[in-house]
Protein backbone atom coordinates (compact mmCIF):
# COMPACT_ATOMS: atom_id res chain seq x y z
CA MET A 1 14.45 16.14 24.29
CA ASN A 2 15.09 12.55 25.33
CA ASP A 3 13.36 10.07 22.98
CA ASN A 4 14.15 7.09 25.19
CA LEU A 5 11.75 5.27 27.50
CA LYS A 6 12.99 4.08 30.90
CA THR A 7 11.70 0.63 31.89
CA ALA A 8 12.44 -1.79 34.69
CA ASP A 9 15.08 -4.42 34.07
CA LEU A 10 13.39 -7.71 35.02
CA THR A 11 16.73 -9.53 35.26
CA ASN A 12 18.14 -6.99 37.74
CA PRO A 13 15.45 -5.72 40.12
CA GLY A 14 15.86 -2.06 40.96
CA GLU A 15 17.75 -1.30 37.76
CA THR A 16 16.28 0.58 34.76
CA VAL A 17 17.17 0.40 31.10
CA GLU A 18 16.53 2.88 28.33
CA GLN A 19 14.71 1.77 25.19
CA PRO A 20 14.27 3.97 22.12
CA LEU A 21 10.69 5.05 21.43
CA TYR A 22 11.29 5.24 17.68
CA GLU A 23 13.01 2.56 15.65
CA ILE A 24 15.62 3.92 13.29
CA ARG A 25 14.75 2.85 9.75
CA ARG A 26 17.00 0.14 8.41
CA GLU A 27 17.72 0.59 4.72
CA ILE A 28 16.37 -2.33 2.70
CA TYR A 29 18.24 -3.33 -0.44
CA SER A 30 15.84 -5.75 -2.07
CA ARG A 31 17.25 -8.12 -4.63
CA ALA A 32 15.76 -8.60 -8.10
CA VAL A 33 13.89 -11.86 -8.54
CA SER A 34 12.28 -13.70 -11.42
CA GLY A 35 9.65 -16.39 -11.42
CA TRP A 36 5.98 -17.16 -11.87
CA PHE A 37 4.73 -14.73 -9.23
CA ALA A 38 7.13 -11.98 -10.36
CA ARG A 39 5.74 -12.27 -13.89
CA TRP A 40 2.18 -12.01 -12.55
CA ARG A 41 3.15 -9.00 -10.46
CA TRP A 42 4.69 -7.21 -13.43
CA ALA A 43 1.73 -8.09 -15.64
CA LEU A 44 -0.55 -6.35 -13.16
CA VAL A 45 1.85 -3.40 -12.88
CA ILE A 46 1.72 -2.95 -16.65
CA PHE A 47 -2.06 -3.44 -16.80
CA THR A 48 -2.87 -1.01 -13.98
CA GLN A 49 -0.55 1.66 -15.35
CA LEU A 50 -1.91 1.33 -18.88
CA VAL A 51 -5.37 1.90 -17.41
CA PHE A 52 -4.25 4.80 -15.22
CA TYR A 53 -2.01 6.65 -17.67
CA GLY A 54 -4.08 5.85 -20.74
CA GLY A 55 -7.56 6.38 -19.28
CA PRO A 56 -7.68 10.20 -19.56
CA TRP A 57 -6.59 10.12 -23.21
CA LEU A 58 -9.50 7.96 -24.38
CA SER A 59 -12.31 9.76 -26.24
CA TRP A 60 -16.03 9.02 -26.21
CA ASN A 61 -18.72 11.01 -28.04
CA GLU A 62 -16.21 13.77 -28.80
CA ARG A 63 -15.26 14.21 -25.15
CA GLN A 64 -12.93 12.62 -22.64
CA ALA A 65 -14.14 9.09 -21.89
CA VAL A 66 -13.42 9.25 -18.15
CA LEU A 67 -13.75 12.69 -16.61
CA PHE A 68 -14.83 13.78 -13.13
CA ASP A 69 -15.90 17.36 -13.75
CA LEU A 70 -16.22 18.71 -10.22
CA VAL A 71 -16.98 22.26 -11.35
CA ALA A 72 -19.98 21.19 -13.45
CA ARG A 73 -20.79 18.36 -11.02
CA LYS A 74 -20.86 15.79 -13.81
CA PHE A 75 -18.93 12.52 -13.86
CA TYR A 76 -18.43 10.95 -17.28
CA ILE A 77 -17.55 7.27 -17.47
CA PHE A 78 -17.66 6.25 -21.12
CA GLY A 79 -21.33 6.36 -22.17
CA ILE A 80 -22.75 7.08 -18.71
CA VAL A 81 -23.07 10.49 -17.06
CA PHE A 82 -23.37 10.51 -13.28
CA TRP A 83 -24.73 13.45 -11.28
CA PRO A 84 -24.58 14.25 -7.56
CA GLN A 85 -28.04 12.65 -7.28
CA ASP A 86 -26.44 9.34 -8.34
CA PHE A 87 -24.42 9.16 -5.12
CA ILE A 88 -25.96 5.73 -4.48
CA TYR A 89 -23.77 4.27 -7.22
CA LEU A 90 -20.63 5.53 -5.49
CA THR A 91 -21.89 3.91 -2.31
CA GLY A 92 -22.41 0.66 -4.21
CA LEU A 93 -18.90 0.85 -5.66
CA LEU A 94 -17.39 1.32 -2.19
CA VAL A 95 -19.41 -1.60 -0.81
CA VAL A 96 -18.31 -3.82 -3.72
CA SER A 97 -14.68 -2.80 -3.17
CA ALA A 98 -14.86 -3.56 0.55
CA LEU A 99 -16.54 -6.94 0.05
CA SER A 100 -14.02 -7.84 -2.68
CA LEU A 101 -11.20 -7.05 -0.26
CA PHE A 102 -12.81 -9.22 2.42
CA LEU A 103 -13.36 -12.06 -0.05
CA PHE A 104 -9.84 -12.04 -1.53
CA THR A 105 -8.29 -11.77 1.93
CA ALA A 106 -10.35 -14.67 3.28
CA VAL A 107 -9.32 -16.84 0.31
CA ALA A 108 -5.67 -15.95 -0.23
CA GLY A 109 -4.50 -13.23 2.13
CA ARG A 110 -3.15 -9.87 0.98
CA LEU A 111 -3.58 -10.29 -2.78
CA TRP A 112 -4.50 -6.62 -3.17
CA CYS A 113 -1.41 -5.46 -1.29
CA GLY A 114 0.97 -7.73 -3.15
CA TYR A 115 -0.18 -7.17 -6.71
CA ALA A 116 -2.46 -4.16 -7.25
CA CYS A 117 -2.09 -1.64 -4.41
CA PRO A 118 -0.73 1.68 -5.80
CA GLN A 119 1.94 1.73 -3.10
CA THR A 120 3.19 -1.71 -4.20
CA VAL A 121 2.91 -0.89 -7.91
CA TYR A 122 4.83 2.39 -7.76
CA THR A 123 7.42 0.99 -5.35
CA GLU A 124 8.01 -1.81 -7.86
CA ILE A 125 8.45 0.72 -10.69
CA PHE A 126 10.74 2.97 -8.65
CA MET A 127 12.89 0.01 -7.57
CA TRP A 128 13.16 -1.11 -11.22
CA ILE A 129 14.47 2.37 -12.11
CA GLU A 130 16.86 2.19 -9.16
CA ARG A 131 18.24 -1.17 -10.29
CA LYS A 132 18.68 0.01 -13.87
CA VAL A 133 20.63 3.08 -12.75
CA GLU A 134 22.58 1.88 -9.71
CA GLY A 135 22.64 -1.89 -10.19
CA ASP A 136 21.24 -4.77 -8.17
CA ARG A 137 21.46 -5.29 -4.42
CA LEU A 138 25.21 -5.60 -3.85
CA ALA A 139 26.03 -2.78 -6.27
CA ARG A 140 23.63 -0.43 -4.48
CA MET A 141 25.02 -1.38 -1.09
CA ARG A 142 28.58 -0.71 -2.23
CA LEU A 143 27.56 2.59 -3.83
CA ASP A 144 25.90 3.85 -0.64
CA GLN A 145 28.97 2.92 1.43
CA GLN A 146 31.31 4.88 -0.86
CA PRO A 147 32.18 8.52 -0.12
CA LEU A 148 30.58 11.11 -2.34
CA SER A 149 32.22 11.22 -5.77
CA ALA A 150 31.34 12.48 -9.22
CA ARG A 151 30.15 9.01 -10.25
CA LYS A 152 28.02 8.54 -7.14
CA PHE A 153 26.52 12.02 -7.46
CA GLY A 154 25.77 11.43 -11.14
CA LEU A 155 24.05 8.09 -10.53
CA LYS A 156 21.98 9.50 -7.67
CA ALA A 157 21.04 12.56 -9.75
CA VAL A 158 19.91 10.42 -12.68
CA LYS A 159 17.89 8.15 -10.41
CA HIS A 160 16.14 10.97 -8.59
CA GLY A 161 15.61 12.86 -11.84
CA LEU A 162 13.80 9.86 -13.33
CA TRP A 163 11.81 9.41 -10.12
CA MET A 164 10.73 13.06 -10.15
CA ALA A 165 9.81 12.95 -13.83
CA LEU A 166 7.64 9.86 -13.28
CA ALA A 167 6.10 11.36 -10.14
CA LEU A 168 5.21 14.60 -11.91
CA TRP A 169 3.75 12.69 -14.85
CA THR A 170 1.69 10.71 -12.35
CA GLY A 171 0.44 13.91 -10.73
CA PHE A 172 -0.36 15.37 -14.16
CA THR A 173 -2.32 12.25 -15.11
CA PHE A 174 -4.22 12.28 -11.81
CA VAL A 175 -5.32 15.89 -12.35
CA GLY A 176 -6.20 14.94 -15.94
CA TYR A 177 -9.12 12.91 -14.59
CA PHE A 178 -10.64 16.12 -13.15
CA THR A 179 -9.55 18.72 -15.72
CA PRO A 180 -9.79 17.67 -19.41
CA ILE A 181 -6.33 16.34 -20.07
CA HIS A 182 -5.97 17.88 -23.53
CA GLN A 183 -6.76 21.27 -22.03
CA LEU A 184 -4.39 20.52 -19.15
CA ALA A 185 -1.61 19.54 -21.56
CA ALA A 186 -2.13 22.76 -23.52
CA GLU A 187 -1.96 24.76 -20.31
CA VAL A 188 1.21 23.00 -19.23
CA ALA A 189 2.72 23.64 -22.64
CA GLY A 190 1.72 27.29 -22.32
CA ILE A 191 -0.53 27.30 -25.37
CA THR A 192 -3.56 29.53 -25.26
CA ALA A 193 -6.73 28.03 -26.72
CA SER A 194 -7.76 31.26 -28.42
CA ALA A 195 -4.61 32.21 -30.30
CA GLY A 196 -2.96 28.82 -30.54
CA GLN A 197 0.41 30.38 -29.88
CA ALA A 198 3.05 29.47 -27.34
CA GLY A 199 2.95 31.54 -24.21
CA SER A 200 3.39 31.30 -20.48
CA PRO A 201 1.74 28.35 -18.66
CA SER A 202 -1.82 29.14 -17.60
CA LEU A 203 -2.46 26.43 -15.04
CA GLY A 204 -4.83 27.36 -12.26
CA PRO A 205 -3.57 27.40 -8.67
CA TRP A 206 -5.54 24.30 -7.69
CA GLU A 207 -4.27 22.35 -10.70
CA ILE A 208 -0.68 23.32 -9.87
CA PHE A 209 -1.23 22.35 -6.23
CA TRP A 210 -2.64 18.89 -7.00
CA VAL A 211 -0.07 18.06 -9.68
CA LEU A 212 2.74 18.90 -7.25
CA PHE A 213 1.02 17.36 -4.23
CA TYR A 214 0.24 14.05 -5.92
CA GLY A 215 3.66 14.01 -7.57
CA PHE A 216 5.36 14.68 -4.23
CA ALA A 217 3.29 11.93 -2.56
CA THR A 218 4.28 9.45 -5.27
CA TYR A 219 7.95 10.43 -5.06
CA GLY A 220 8.01 10.29 -1.27
CA ASN A 221 5.99 7.11 -0.77
CA ALA A 222 7.51 4.99 -3.55
CA GLY A 223 11.02 6.44 -3.56
CA TRP A 224 11.76 7.04 0.12
CA MET A 225 9.20 5.61 2.52
CA ARG A 226 8.35 2.40 0.67
CA GLU A 227 7.80 -0.34 3.25
CA GLN A 228 7.21 2.26 5.98
CA VAL A 229 3.85 3.08 4.37
CA CYS A 230 2.81 -0.58 4.50
CA LYS A 231 4.10 -1.15 8.01
CA TYR A 232 3.01 1.99 9.81
CA MET A 233 0.62 4.09 7.72
CA CYS A 234 -1.67 1.50 6.11
CA PRO A 235 -4.40 0.33 8.53
CA TYR A 236 -4.99 -2.87 6.55
CA ALA A 237 -1.86 -4.45 8.02
CA ARG A 238 -3.37 -4.07 11.50
CA PHE A 239 -6.77 -5.67 10.94
CA GLN A 240 -5.92 -8.24 8.25
CA SER A 241 -5.65 -11.01 10.85
CA ALA A 242 -9.35 -10.59 11.63
CA MET A 243 -10.10 -11.85 8.10
CA PHE A 244 -7.69 -14.81 8.21
CA ASP A 245 -8.64 -18.29 9.37
CA PRO A 246 -6.82 -21.67 9.33
CA ASP A 247 -8.01 -22.29 5.74
CA THR A 248 -6.76 -18.99 4.31
CA LEU A 249 -3.99 -19.40 1.74
CA VAL A 250 -0.98 -17.45 2.98
CA ILE A 251 2.73 -17.44 2.17
CA THR A 252 4.20 -20.02 4.51
CA TYR A 253 7.58 -21.55 5.21
CA ASP A 254 7.37 -25.35 5.58
CA ARG A 255 9.31 -25.66 8.82
CA GLU A 256 9.00 -29.43 9.01
CA ARG A 257 10.63 -29.83 5.63
CA GLY A 258 13.16 -27.00 5.94
CA GLU A 259 14.55 -27.47 9.46
CA PRO A 260 17.18 -27.79 10.69
CA ARG A 261 18.56 -25.36 8.17
CA GLY A 262 22.19 -25.02 7.16
CA PRO A 263 24.56 -24.54 4.22
CA ARG A 264 25.82 -27.49 2.24
CA ALA A 265 27.32 -28.30 -1.16
CA ARG A 266 24.91 -29.13 -3.93
CA ASN A 267 26.12 -32.73 -4.28
CA ILE A 268 25.87 -33.48 -0.55
CA ASP A 269 22.90 -35.47 0.76
CA ALA A 270 21.10 -33.26 3.30
CA GLN A 271 19.81 -36.25 5.29
CA SER A 272 23.32 -37.50 5.90
CA LEU A 273 24.09 -34.18 7.57
CA GLY A 274 20.83 -34.17 9.50
CA LEU A 275 19.69 -31.04 7.67
CA GLY A 276 16.43 -29.98 6.12
CA HIS A 277 16.02 -28.47 2.67
CA CYS A 278 16.62 -24.86 3.78
CA VAL A 279 20.22 -24.00 2.90
CA ASP A 280 20.08 -20.80 5.00
CA CYS A 281 20.99 -18.64 1.97
CA ASP A 282 18.75 -15.75 3.11
CA ILE A 283 17.50 -15.23 -0.46
CA CYS A 284 13.96 -15.03 0.90
CA VAL A 285 15.03 -12.11 3.09
CA GLN A 286 17.07 -10.39 0.39
CA VAL A 287 14.20 -10.29 -2.12
CA CYS A 288 11.57 -9.17 0.42
CA PRO A 289 10.55 -5.52 -0.13
CA THR A 290 9.74 -5.15 3.59
CA GLY A 291 12.88 -6.94 4.78
CA ILE A 292 11.22 -9.66 6.88
CA ASP A 293 12.24 -13.29 7.28
CA ILE A 294 9.22 -15.41 6.35
CA ARG A 295 10.87 -18.36 8.11
CA SER A 296 9.96 -16.70 11.41
CA GLY A 297 6.28 -17.15 10.55
CA LEU A 298 3.62 -14.94 9.04
CA GLN A 299 4.06 -11.31 10.09
CA TYR A 300 1.90 -8.24 9.62
CA GLU A 301 4.67 -6.63 7.55
CA CYS A 302 4.25 -9.31 4.85
CA ILE A 303 2.39 -7.77 1.90
CA GLY A 304 1.88 -11.09 0.11
CA CYS A 305 4.00 -10.25 -2.95
CA ALA A 306 5.37 -13.84 -3.10
CA ALA A 307 8.88 -12.65 -4.01
CA CYS A 308 10.23 -15.03 -1.38
CA ILE A 309 8.49 -17.95 -3.10
CA ASP A 310 10.15 -17.17 -6.43
CA GLY A 311 13.54 -16.67 -4.78
CA CYS A 312 13.35 -19.88 -2.77
CA ASN A 313 12.14 -21.89 -5.76
CA GLN A 314 15.20 -20.78 -7.72
CA VAL A 315 17.48 -22.05 -4.94
CA MET A 316 15.55 -25.32 -4.66
CA ALA A 317 15.90 -25.85 -8.41
CA ARG A 318 19.67 -25.29 -8.26
CA MET A 319 20.01 -27.67 -5.33
CA GLY A 320 17.87 -30.33 -6.99
CA TYR A 321 15.21 -30.20 -4.26
CA PRO A 322 11.44 -30.04 -4.85
CA LYS A 323 10.06 -26.54 -5.10
CA GLY A 324 7.58 -25.22 -2.56
CA LEU A 325 9.66 -24.95 0.60
CA ILE A 326 8.04 -21.52 0.80
CA ARG A 327 4.61 -21.57 -0.83
CA TYR A 328 0.99 -20.55 -0.67
CA THR A 329 -0.70 -22.95 1.72
CA THR A 330 -2.94 -22.96 4.78
CA GLU A 331 -2.42 -23.65 8.45
CA ASN A 332 -4.70 -26.69 8.28
CA ALA A 333 -2.90 -27.99 5.20
CA LEU A 334 0.44 -28.00 7.01
CA GLN A 335 -0.94 -29.62 10.15
CA GLN A 336 -3.11 -32.22 8.42
CA LYS A 337 -0.92 -32.84 5.34
CA LEU A 338 -3.74 -31.93 2.96
CA ALA A 339 -3.44 -32.48 -0.77
CA PRO A 340 -3.88 -29.50 -3.17
CA ARG A 341 -7.39 -30.67 -4.09
CA GLN A 342 -8.38 -30.79 -0.43
CA ILE A 343 -6.98 -27.29 0.09
CA LEU A 344 -9.08 -25.95 -2.78
CA ALA A 345 -12.16 -27.76 -1.49
CA ARG A 346 -11.76 -26.09 1.90
CA ALA A 347 -11.54 -22.72 0.18
CA LEU A 348 -15.27 -22.97 -0.57
CA ARG A 349 -16.22 -22.66 3.08
CA PRO A 350 -19.32 -20.81 4.40
CA ARG A 351 -17.46 -17.56 5.01
CA VAL A 352 -16.26 -17.39 1.42
CA LEU A 353 -19.62 -18.45 0.00
CA VAL A 354 -21.45 -15.76 1.98
CA TYR A 355 -19.01 -13.06 0.83
CA THR A 356 -19.36 -14.26 -2.77
CA ALA A 357 -23.15 -14.37 -2.65
CA ILE A 358 -23.47 -10.88 -1.17
CA LEU A 359 -20.88 -9.48 -3.58
CA TRP A 360 -22.57 -10.84 -6.70
CA THR A 361 -26.00 -9.82 -5.45
CA ILE A 362 -24.85 -6.22 -5.12
CA ILE A 363 -23.01 -6.29 -8.47
CA ILE A 364 -26.07 -7.67 -10.27
CA ALA A 365 -28.36 -5.17 -8.55
CA ILE A 366 -26.12 -2.27 -9.59
CA GLY A 367 -25.94 -3.62 -13.13
CA ILE A 368 -29.73 -3.92 -13.39
CA THR A 369 -30.32 -0.41 -12.06
CA LEU A 370 -27.74 1.01 -14.48
CA TYR A 371 -29.34 -0.84 -17.39
CA ALA A 372 -32.85 0.31 -16.42
CA ARG A 373 -31.69 3.82 -15.51
CA VAL A 374 -33.81 6.54 -17.12
CA PRO A 375 -31.65 9.49 -18.27
CA LEU A 376 -34.11 12.00 -16.88
CA LYS A 377 -34.61 13.51 -13.45
CA VAL A 378 -37.30 16.00 -12.43
CA ASP A 379 -37.70 18.07 -9.27
CA VAL A 380 -40.86 20.10 -8.67
CA ILE A 381 -40.55 23.39 -6.76
CA ARG A 382 -43.64 25.42 -5.92
CA ASP A 383 -43.54 29.19 -6.36
CA ARG A 384 -44.14 30.30 -2.79
CA ALA A 385 -44.70 33.91 -3.80
CA ASN A 386 -47.89 32.96 -5.70
CA LEU A 387 -49.47 29.96 -3.98
CA ALA A 388 -52.79 30.20 -5.81
CA ARG A 389 -54.53 32.92 -7.77
CA GLU A 390 -57.58 33.48 -9.94
CA VAL A 391 -56.95 34.51 -13.57
CA GLU A 392 -59.27 35.56 -16.36
CA GLY A 393 -62.24 35.23 -14.02
CA ARG A 394 -62.67 31.47 -14.45
CA TRP A 395 -59.34 29.78 -13.70
CA VAL A 396 -57.47 28.91 -10.53
CA GLU A 397 -53.73 28.96 -11.28
CA ASN A 398 -50.69 27.61 -9.45
CA ILE A 399 -47.12 28.34 -10.53
CA TYR A 400 -44.29 25.79 -10.33
CA ARG A 401 -40.69 25.54 -11.34
CA LEU A 402 -39.58 22.22 -12.76
CA GLN A 403 -35.88 21.41 -12.60
CA ILE A 404 -35.45 19.04 -15.53
CA MET A 405 -32.15 17.20 -15.78
CA ASN A 406 -31.32 15.51 -19.07
CA THR A 407 -28.75 13.13 -17.64
CA GLY A 408 -28.03 11.48 -20.99
CA GLU A 409 -25.77 12.88 -23.69
CA ALA A 410 -28.37 13.15 -26.44
CA PRO A 411 -30.61 16.26 -26.69
CA HIS A 412 -34.35 15.74 -26.25
CA ARG A 413 -37.59 17.65 -26.57
CA PHE A 414 -39.54 17.06 -23.38
CA VAL A 415 -43.32 17.37 -23.13
CA ILE A 416 -44.81 18.39 -19.77
CA ARG A 417 -48.22 17.10 -18.68
CA ALA A 418 -50.18 17.17 -15.43
CA SER A 419 -52.91 14.91 -14.07
CA GLY A 420 -54.88 14.40 -10.90
CA ALA A 421 -57.99 16.58 -11.37
CA GLU A 422 -60.61 17.21 -14.04
CA THR A 423 -59.86 20.12 -16.43
CA LEU A 424 -56.31 20.40 -15.01
CA GLN A 425 -54.08 21.69 -17.80
CA VAL A 426 -50.66 23.17 -18.45
CA ALA A 427 -50.88 26.80 -19.50
CA GLY A 428 -47.65 27.55 -21.31
CA GLY A 429 -44.35 25.69 -21.07
CA GLU A 430 -45.82 22.41 -22.37
CA ALA A 431 -42.60 21.49 -24.20
CA VAL A 432 -38.94 22.36 -23.79
CA GLU A 433 -35.73 21.52 -25.64
CA ILE A 434 -32.85 20.46 -23.37
CA PRO A 435 -29.34 19.58 -24.66
CA GLY A 436 -27.53 16.50 -23.43
CA ALA A 437 -26.09 16.47 -19.88
CA THR A 438 -27.84 19.73 -19.06
CA THR A 439 -30.14 20.99 -16.31
CA ARG A 440 -32.80 23.56 -16.99
CA MET A 441 -35.28 25.32 -14.69
CA VAL A 442 -38.64 25.54 -16.47
CA PRO A 443 -41.53 27.71 -15.13
CA VAL A 444 -44.88 25.94 -15.46
CA ARG A 445 -48.40 27.28 -14.85
CA LEU A 446 -51.19 24.83 -14.01
CA ARG A 447 -54.83 25.86 -14.33
CA ILE A 448 -58.15 24.36 -13.39
CA ASP A 449 -61.73 25.58 -13.73
CA ALA A 450 -62.83 27.52 -10.67
CA GLY A 451 -65.32 25.51 -8.65
CA LYS A 452 -64.09 22.14 -9.85
CA LEU A 453 -62.16 21.58 -6.65
CA PRO A 454 -63.00 22.60 -3.08
CA ALA A 455 -60.65 24.86 -1.14
CA GLY A 456 -57.52 23.17 0.18
CA SER A 457 -54.60 21.17 -1.21
CA HIS A 458 -55.06 18.44 -3.79
CA LYS A 459 -52.59 15.83 -4.96
CA ILE A 460 -51.47 16.04 -8.57
CA GLU A 461 -48.74 14.46 -10.68
CA PHE A 462 -46.40 15.92 -13.26
CA GLU A 463 -45.27 13.81 -16.18
CA VAL A 464 -42.22 14.80 -18.22
CA ALA A 465 -41.62 12.63 -21.28
CA ALA A 466 -39.25 12.75 -24.23
CA ALA A 467 -41.17 13.31 -27.44
CA ASP A 468 -38.73 11.16 -29.42
CA ASP A 469 -38.36 8.26 -26.95
CA ALA A 470 -41.34 6.84 -25.08
CA ALA A 471 -39.05 5.02 -22.64
CA ILE A 472 -37.69 8.29 -21.24
CA VAL A 473 -40.32 9.51 -18.82
CA ALA A 474 -40.30 10.80 -15.24
CA ARG A 475 -43.19 11.45 -12.87
CA GLU A 476 -43.22 13.63 -9.78
CA ARG A 477 -45.99 14.33 -7.31
CA SER A 478 -46.98 17.72 -6.00
CA ILE A 479 -50.03 19.55 -4.70
CA PHE A 480 -52.45 22.03 -6.24
CA LEU A 481 -53.84 24.72 -3.89
CA VAL A 482 -57.34 26.14 -4.12
CA ARG A 483 -58.39 29.09 -1.96
């Protein structure tokens, strides 16, 4: 199969040239860099991984603090238990995440991509392991160019072994958010809960699948694909420009100050040579994890990690030039020579203010609803087999089933009442004990004196209240049938 595309040669009419449909990946050997932005990036790497790896091991009320129990359809987040009926909170979280992304992008570009995206974080960790095992940029390049030897095989084996171990631990931790991690660890260790003795691993097939799948995805994305994920698989790179405007802070090369570029000795005056401050050292390219040259302008491959800023600032410091040849600035700031205070003032533009106002409105609304949330839900289901019947010669009776959900973690004794008609009363099932985070179906019989209501349907209301807490109460409407 020919993977080349034949196109017309515009310089030679009638001639055709072949162009490859797929670009062969060019290996990127990124160089280690230190600086203010690198320290921020590593601080966020450490913070996010402490949260991710440590989250499943936290305990709360004698259970796992963060657990998404899909089998029981309960989601524990510290002191709050969410049920499928609380889907609105997931919707709110997604809306907040989307608006936050829009806001941060409008203010300062791809902050999420450069500092907190899992792809960036794990690529940073995997590259750190690679540098520790194989060396920095030049050492890795020389190693890859060498023929296979015992030393090369050993270094590659150690590197990939560490990558696989980290990837599998990542997959294990991910599954630990859905299966209690202590139970998962015991299963991995092959310890049965009943006998407490070592045995064969008892992981379920789905647990094994997701540990391996997530581990393989981490190993492949962070170890092999790296920038390819950001360039070709992530849709954010394609629509980010729609959220940029001339007052968005982006990583920019100051062309007016840097050009014409060229090498020179440190003690040589650049102006005497007619040169700008760029010494054409290519450090900004060497430290870039996606291998782009920021001096060619902002490109969709740029993930906003600011490694080029740190690298360039180091060169500027050695040359005795002011830092900031590559820096966070805006298009308007470069064109209009705006001062830092003016740049910050322009950041508070209508677009940003609207995003901020909507974002905080939603966050406050979610917070209020969570604070005022009653840990009790009630659904009323009529017994269709017995719509209405006469009992004991003087009562009209309807039968219902109340699905009572104690969504909190404390057990309660719930009292069931009914209102809406004179002499309406609950005959049996007036109170029920329900443990924490438990659903129970309770049969309830309502009675009313015969002749008190005409034939037909009549609106009534159930009230379910906790006997030990007056604030926990739920009301549901239904109908009472008289024949």
